[in-house]
Amino acid sequence: MKKHTKQKSKFKYKKLKKDLHWLDAISDTGWVSKADMDDHEPAKAVSSQMWIYKETKKYITLFGTYSYDKKGNIEFGEVITIPKIWM
């Protein structure tokens, strides 16, 4: 019987060296009181334990999980793209 081996693509992504902090937009879709409106502020977000998929002058795209499909192609999960102006 011939053993079936899957060809995995080379993992070329670098892990974040330190946590990434940014202010993130928040929203509220229901009715909100004046007091709640006065308290609305951006969320203080943090990404850690993620890999860099792509980085440009304007944004960074990260992913937190990955797997390989039946053909050995990589797939990504927990993907986030953050504008650098937010960081």
C-alpha atoms as a PDB file:
ATOM      1  CA  MET A   1       0.000   0.000   0.000  1.00  0.00           C
ATOM      2  CA  LYS A   2       1.330   3.406  -1.001  1.00  0.00           C
ATOM      3  CA  LYS A   3       1.507   5.976   1.798  1.00  0.00           C
ATOM      4  CA  HIS A   4      -0.232   9.272   0.967  1.00  0.00           C
ATOM      5  CA  THR A   5       1.821  12.310   1.985  1.00  0.00           C
ATOM      6  CA  LYS A   6       0.592  15.873   1.892  1.00  0.00           C
ATOM      7  CA  GLN A   7       2.848  18.627   0.651  1.00  0.00           C
ATOM      8  CA  LYS A   8       2.632  21.577   3.068  1.00  0.00           C
ATOM      9  CA  SER A   9       3.594  25.026   1.874  1.00  0.00           C
ATOM     10  CA  LYS A  10       6.589  26.642   3.567  1.00  0.00           C
ATOM     11  CA  PHE A  11       5.594  28.751   6.590  1.00  0.00           C
ATOM     12  CA  LYS A  12       7.045  32.195   5.850  1.00  0.00           C
ATOM     13  CA  TYR A  13       5.263  34.392   8.402  1.00  0.00           C
ATOM     14  CA  LYS A  14       6.926  36.145  11.345  1.00  0.00           C
ATOM     15  CA  LYS A  15       5.354  36.209  14.783  1.00  0.00           C
ATOM     16  CA  LEU A  16       4.740  39.592  16.434  1.00  0.00           C
ATOM     17  CA  LYS A  17       7.693  40.358  18.701  1.00  0.00           C
ATOM     18  CA  LYS A  18       5.597  42.348  21.168  1.00  0.00           C
ATOM     19  CA  ASP A  19       1.938  43.032  21.813  1.00  0.00           C
ATOM     20  CA  LEU A  20       0.296  45.484  19.426  1.00  0.00           C
ATOM     21  CA  HIS A  21      -1.874  48.170  21.082  1.00  0.00           C
ATOM     22  CA  TRP A  22      -4.376  50.419  19.322  1.00  0.00           C
ATOM     23  CA  LEU A  23      -7.603  52.326  19.843  1.00  0.00           C
ATOM     24  CA  ASP A  24     -10.474  50.554  18.085  1.00  0.00           C
ATOM     25  CA  ALA A  25     -13.835  51.857  16.945  1.00  0.00           C
ATOM     26  CA  ILE A  26     -16.919  50.783  18.903  1.00  0.00           C
ATOM     27  CA  SER A  27     -20.589  51.014  18.022  1.00  0.00           C
ATOM     28  CA  ASP A  28     -23.980  50.764  19.655  1.00  0.00           C
ATOM     29  CA  THR A  29     -27.041  49.880  17.582  1.00  0.00           C
ATOM     30  CA  GLY A  30     -29.710  50.360  20.230  1.00  0.00           C
ATOM     31  CA  TRP A  31     -31.034  53.373  22.101  1.00  0.00           C
ATOM     32  CA  VAL A  32     -28.370  55.008  24.267  1.00  0.00           C
ATOM     33  CA  SER A  33     -28.790  57.491  27.113  1.00  0.00           C
ATOM     34  CA  LYS A  34     -27.023  60.844  27.207  1.00  0.00           C
ATOM     35  CA  ALA A  35     -24.843  59.565  30.074  1.00  0.00           C
ATOM     36  CA  ASP A  36     -23.818  56.544  27.995  1.00  0.00           C
ATOM     37  CA  MET A  37     -23.068  58.811  25.035  1.00  0.00           C
ATOM     38  CA  ASP A  38     -20.881  60.989  27.270  1.00  0.00           C
ATOM     39  CA  ASP A  39     -18.966  57.870  28.377  1.00  0.00           C
ATOM     40  CA  HIS A  40     -18.398  56.512  24.833  1.00  0.00           C
ATOM     41  CA  GLU A  41     -14.692  56.128  24.085  1.00  0.00           C
ATOM     42  CA  PRO A  42     -12.704  53.965  21.665  1.00  0.00           C
ATOM     43  CA  ALA A  43     -11.876  50.470  22.907  1.00  0.00           C
ATOM     44  CA  LYS A  44      -8.296  49.868  24.020  1.00  0.00           C
ATOM     45  CA  ALA A  45      -7.434  46.818  21.927  1.00  0.00           C
ATOM     46  CA  VAL A  46      -4.409  44.504  22.113  1.00  0.00           C
ATOM     47  CA  SER A  47      -3.207  41.801  19.747  1.00  0.00           C
ATOM     48  CA  SER A  48      -0.660  39.263  20.893  1.00  0.00           C
ATOM     49  CA  GLN A  49       0.458  35.822  19.814  1.00  0.00           C
ATOM     50  CA  MET A  50      -0.239  36.652  16.170  1.00  0.00           C
ATOM     51  CA  TRP A  51       1.684  36.378  12.924  1.00  0.00           C
ATOM     52  CA  ILE A  52       2.240  39.156  10.423  1.00  0.00           C
ATOM     53  CA  TYR A  53       0.675  38.329   7.060  1.00  0.00           C
ATOM     54  CA  LYS A  54       1.320  41.673   5.384  1.00  0.00           C
ATOM     55  CA  GLU A  55       2.573  45.094   6.402  1.00  0.00           C
ATOM     56  CA  THR A  56       2.415  48.318   4.383  1.00  0.00           C
ATOM     57  CA  LYS A  57       2.924  51.984   5.232  1.00  0.00           C
ATOM     58  CA  LYS A  58      -0.847  52.319   5.827  1.00  0.00           C
ATOM     59  CA  TYR A  59      -1.865  49.068   7.587  1.00  0.00           C
ATOM     60  CA  ILE A  60      -0.831  45.730   9.050  1.00  0.00           C
ATOM     61  CA  THR A  61      -2.677  42.427   8.507  1.00  0.00           C
ATOM     62  CA  LEU A  62      -2.327  39.773  11.198  1.00  0.00           C
ATOM     63  CA  PHE A  63      -3.634  36.261  11.808  1.00  0.00           C
ATOM     64  CA  GLY A  64      -3.873  34.262  15.012  1.00  0.00           C
ATOM     65  CA  THR A  65      -4.477  30.716  13.750  1.00  0.00           C
ATOM     66  CA  TYR A  66      -3.739  28.728  10.640  1.00  0.00           C
ATOM     67  CA  SER A  67      -4.274  25.255   9.225  1.00  0.00           C
ATOM     68  CA  TYR A  68      -3.686  23.318   6.027  1.00  0.00           C
ATOM     69  CA  ASP A  69      -6.423  22.093   3.696  1.00  0.00           C
ATOM     70  CA  LYS A  70      -6.520  18.610   2.119  1.00  0.00           C
ATOM     71  CA  LYS A  71      -4.214  19.758  -0.677  1.00  0.00           C
ATOM     72  CA  GLY A  72      -1.629  21.185   1.742  1.00  0.00           C
ATOM     73  CA  ASN A  73      -2.511  24.844   1.142  1.00  0.00           C
ATOM     74  CA  ILE A  74      -2.428  27.151   4.137  1.00  0.00           C
ATOM     75  CA  GLU A  75      -5.658  28.743   5.434  1.00  0.00           C
ATOM     76  CA  PHE A  76      -5.896  31.594   7.962  1.00  0.00           C
ATOM     77  CA  GLY A  77      -8.160  32.350  10.924  1.00  0.00           C
ATOM     78  CA  GLU A  78      -8.590  35.235  13.361  1.00  0.00           C
ATOM     79  CA  VAL A  79      -7.588  37.724  10.642  1.00  0.00           C
ATOM     80  CA  ILE A  80      -7.461  41.424  11.438  1.00  0.00           C
ATOM     81  CA  THR A  81      -6.248  44.411   9.405  1.00  0.00           C
ATOM     82  CA  ILE A  82      -5.396  47.480  11.470  1.00  0.00           C
ATOM     83  CA  PRO A  83      -4.818  50.928   9.977  1.00  0.00           C
ATOM     84  CA  LYS A  84      -1.470  52.216  11.256  1.00  0.00           C
ATOM     85  CA  ILE A  85      -3.016  55.608  11.971  1.00  0.00           C
ATOM     86  CA  TRP A  86      -4.988  53.803  14.750  1.00  0.00           C
ATOM     87  CA  MET A  87      -1.835  52.449  16.399  1.00  0.00           C
END
